[in-house]
């Protein structure tokens, strides 16, 4: 259960991301992080918007590979993202197929702590896009070995003219 002062729990906007964060918290142990194997990924909230990234051995700085990608993320990209690499071109954020900067992934791995990011874009005439991403490390003890990456896009369309 999230603590009252938990800044991530306090800032989460999506009910699905709140539920995912709670599931991650419930699986933590006194020894540290939950293990990836502790999760039934397809049964998790926002499973269609969930990817799993793992560090690619021998890369410095750390590069990640997507080893599981939800159907909504593939559909949004217009192709399968399975096996895609993030961070293989340094800090080039254009290579990230699920919309983010590699530094956030690296920071989450290094700190073994969750990260939450959001952006709210307004395009006028009642059109907007809300982007939310929750990064949750999994591993052994306090060492992060994988990231659960939930990425949500919520769009509002313009109101039709009432004439």
Protein backbone atom coordinates (compact mmCIF):
# COMPACT_ATOMS: atom_id res chain seq x y z
CA UNK A 1 0.00 0.00 0.00
CA UNK A 2 1.25 3.47 -0.87
CA UNK A 3 2.25 5.72 2.02
CA UNK A 4 0.44 9.03 2.39
CA UNK A 5 3.63 10.99 1.60
CA UNK A 6 4.55 8.89 -1.46
CA UNK A 7 5.04 11.51 -4.22
CA UNK A 8 4.49 8.97 -7.00
CA UNK A 9 1.19 7.72 -5.58
CA UNK A 10 0.08 11.31 -4.94
CA UNK A 11 0.78 12.41 -8.54
CA UNK A 12 -0.57 9.46 -10.52
CA UNK A 13 -3.55 10.60 -12.60
CA UNK A 14 -4.71 7.36 -14.21
CA UNK A 15 -6.60 4.79 -12.11
CA UNK A 16 -4.83 2.03 -14.10
CA UNK A 17 -1.39 3.42 -13.20
CA UNK A 18 -2.45 3.81 -9.55
CA UNK A 19 -3.50 0.14 -9.51
CA UNK A 20 -0.24 -0.91 -11.19
CA UNK A 21 1.79 1.05 -8.64
CA UNK A 22 -0.18 -0.59 -5.80
CA UNK A 23 0.47 -4.04 -7.32
CA UNK A 24 4.20 -3.26 -7.46
CA UNK A 25 4.21 -2.02 -3.85
CA UNK A 26 2.35 -5.14 -2.68
CA UNK A 27 5.02 -7.41 -4.21
CA UNK A 28 8.03 -5.66 -2.66
CA UNK A 29 9.72 -7.57 0.10
CA UNK A 30 11.81 -6.46 3.06
CA UNK A 31 14.80 -7.61 1.00
CA UNK A 32 14.02 -5.14 -1.78
CA UNK A 33 12.47 -5.06 -5.20
CA UNK A 34 9.79 -7.42 -6.47
CA UNK A 35 10.95 -9.94 -9.05
CA UNK A 36 9.63 -9.84 -12.61
CA UNK A 37 8.42 -13.42 -12.07
CA UNK A 38 6.14 -12.16 -9.27
CA UNK A 39 3.85 -10.53 -11.84
CA UNK A 40 1.28 -12.08 -14.18
CA UNK A 41 1.95 -9.39 -16.79
CA UNK A 42 -1.19 -9.97 -18.88
CA UNK A 43 -3.37 -9.65 -15.76
CA UNK A 44 -1.87 -6.33 -14.61
CA UNK A 45 -3.76 -3.06 -14.91
CA UNK A 46 -2.85 -1.33 -18.19
CA UNK A 47 -1.32 -4.55 -19.55
CA UNK A 48 -1.96 -3.40 -23.14
CA UNK A 49 0.09 -0.29 -22.39
CA UNK A 50 2.86 -2.14 -20.55
CA UNK A 51 6.34 -2.94 -21.81
CA UNK A 52 9.21 -4.72 -20.09
CA UNK A 53 12.74 -3.48 -20.74
CA UNK A 54 15.96 -5.22 -19.77
CA UNK A 55 19.53 -3.93 -19.88
CA UNK A 56 21.58 -5.20 -22.81
CA UNK A 57 24.68 -6.87 -21.33
CA UNK A 58 28.00 -5.16 -22.03
CA UNK A 59 26.59 -1.78 -23.04
CA UNK A 60 28.02 1.38 -21.49
CA UNK A 61 26.19 3.58 -20.96
CA UNK A 62 23.32 1.17 -20.40
CA UNK A 63 21.15 0.36 -23.39
CA UNK A 64 17.81 -1.43 -22.94
CA UNK A 65 15.85 -3.93 -25.04
CA UNK A 66 12.07 -4.31 -25.02
CA UNK A 67 11.32 -7.95 -24.20
CA UNK A 68 7.53 -7.56 -23.81
CA UNK A 69 5.30 -4.95 -25.43
CA UNK A 70 1.58 -4.41 -24.92
CA UNK A 71 -0.72 -4.38 -27.95
CA UNK A 72 -1.73 -0.74 -27.47
CA UNK A 73 1.91 0.39 -27.69
CA UNK A 74 2.49 -1.64 -30.87
CA UNK A 75 -0.71 -0.23 -32.38
CA UNK A 76 0.28 3.35 -31.53
CA UNK A 77 3.73 2.81 -33.13
CA UNK A 78 2.23 1.13 -36.19
CA UNK A 79 4.62 -1.83 -35.86
CA UNK A 80 5.89 -4.42 -33.44
CA UNK A 81 8.26 -2.91 -30.87
CA UNK A 82 9.40 -6.26 -29.48
CA UNK A 83 13.20 -6.42 -29.46
CA UNK A 84 13.63 -2.66 -30.05
CA UNK A 85 16.58 -1.05 -28.31
CA UNK A 86 16.47 2.14 -26.29
CA UNK A 87 19.67 4.07 -25.67
CA UNK A 88 21.88 2.46 -28.28
CA UNK A 89 22.50 5.91 -29.78
CA UNK A 90 23.44 7.65 -26.55
CA UNK A 91 21.03 10.38 -25.51
CA UNK A 92 19.14 10.41 -28.84
CA UNK A 93 15.53 10.40 -27.65
CA UNK A 94 14.16 9.98 -31.17
CA UNK A 95 15.00 6.30 -31.06
CA UNK A 96 12.75 5.58 -28.07
CA UNK A 97 9.71 3.86 -29.59
CA UNK A 98 7.49 4.41 -26.53
CA UNK A 99 8.11 8.10 -26.13
CA UNK A 100 10.74 9.01 -23.60
CA UNK A 101 14.26 9.87 -22.73
CA UNK A 102 16.78 7.15 -22.01
CA UNK A 103 18.03 9.02 -18.94
CA UNK A 104 14.73 8.29 -17.12
CA UNK A 105 15.15 4.56 -17.76
CA UNK A 106 18.79 4.63 -16.67
CA UNK A 107 17.94 6.61 -13.53
CA UNK A 108 15.21 4.14 -12.60
CA UNK A 109 17.64 1.23 -13.02
CA UNK A 110 20.44 2.94 -11.10
CA UNK A 111 18.25 4.12 -8.22
CA UNK A 112 16.09 0.96 -8.12
CA UNK A 113 13.18 3.34 -7.43
CA UNK A 114 10.00 4.08 -9.39
CA UNK A 115 9.71 7.13 -11.64
CA UNK A 116 6.62 8.88 -12.91
CA UNK A 117 6.42 11.37 -15.76
CA UNK A 118 3.53 13.16 -17.37
CA UNK A 119 2.89 15.89 -19.87
CA UNK A 120 -0.37 17.57 -20.81
CA UNK A 121 -0.40 19.07 -24.30
CA UNK A 122 -3.18 21.46 -25.38
CA UNK A 123 -3.74 22.05 -29.09
CA UNK A 124 -6.66 24.49 -28.88
CA UNK A 125 -10.36 24.01 -29.54
CA UNK A 126 -10.66 21.41 -26.77
CA UNK A 127 -8.01 19.11 -28.22
CA UNK A 128 -5.40 17.77 -25.82
CA UNK A 129 -3.12 14.83 -25.22
CA UNK A 130 -2.17 13.59 -21.76
CA UNK A 131 0.97 11.45 -21.66
CA UNK A 132 1.75 9.42 -18.53
CA UNK A 133 4.58 6.98 -17.93
CA UNK A 134 5.27 4.92 -14.83
CA UNK A 135 8.63 3.14 -14.57
CA UNK A 136 8.81 0.36 -11.98
CA UNK A 137 12.06 -1.55 -11.37
CA UNK A 138 12.09 -5.28 -10.67
CA UNK A 139 15.06 -7.38 -9.67
CA UNK A 140 16.79 -9.31 -6.94
CA UNK A 141 17.16 -7.58 -3.58
CA UNK A 142 18.00 -3.95 -4.27
CA UNK A 143 19.50 -4.51 -7.72
CA UNK A 144 17.21 -3.63 -10.65
CA UNK A 145 17.24 -6.15 -13.50
CA UNK A 146 14.13 -5.15 -15.50
CA UNK A 147 11.79 -2.20 -15.83
CA UNK A 148 8.02 -2.36 -16.08
CA UNK A 149 7.19 0.61 -18.33
CA UNK A 150 3.52 1.63 -18.46
CA UNK A 151 2.86 4.37 -21.01
CA UNK A 152 -0.60 5.88 -21.41
CA UNK A 153 -1.82 8.39 -23.98
CA UNK A 154 -5.24 9.97 -23.40
CA UNK A 155 -6.57 12.13 -26.21
CA UNK A 156 -9.56 14.41 -26.31
CA UNK A 157 -11.11 15.30 -29.62
CA UNK A 158 -12.56 18.69 -30.48
CA UNK A 159 -16.26 19.20 -29.84
CA UNK A 160 -18.28 19.15 -33.07
CA UNK A 161 -19.72 22.54 -33.95
CA UNK A 162 -23.28 22.70 -32.73
CA UNK A 163 -24.26 25.11 -35.52
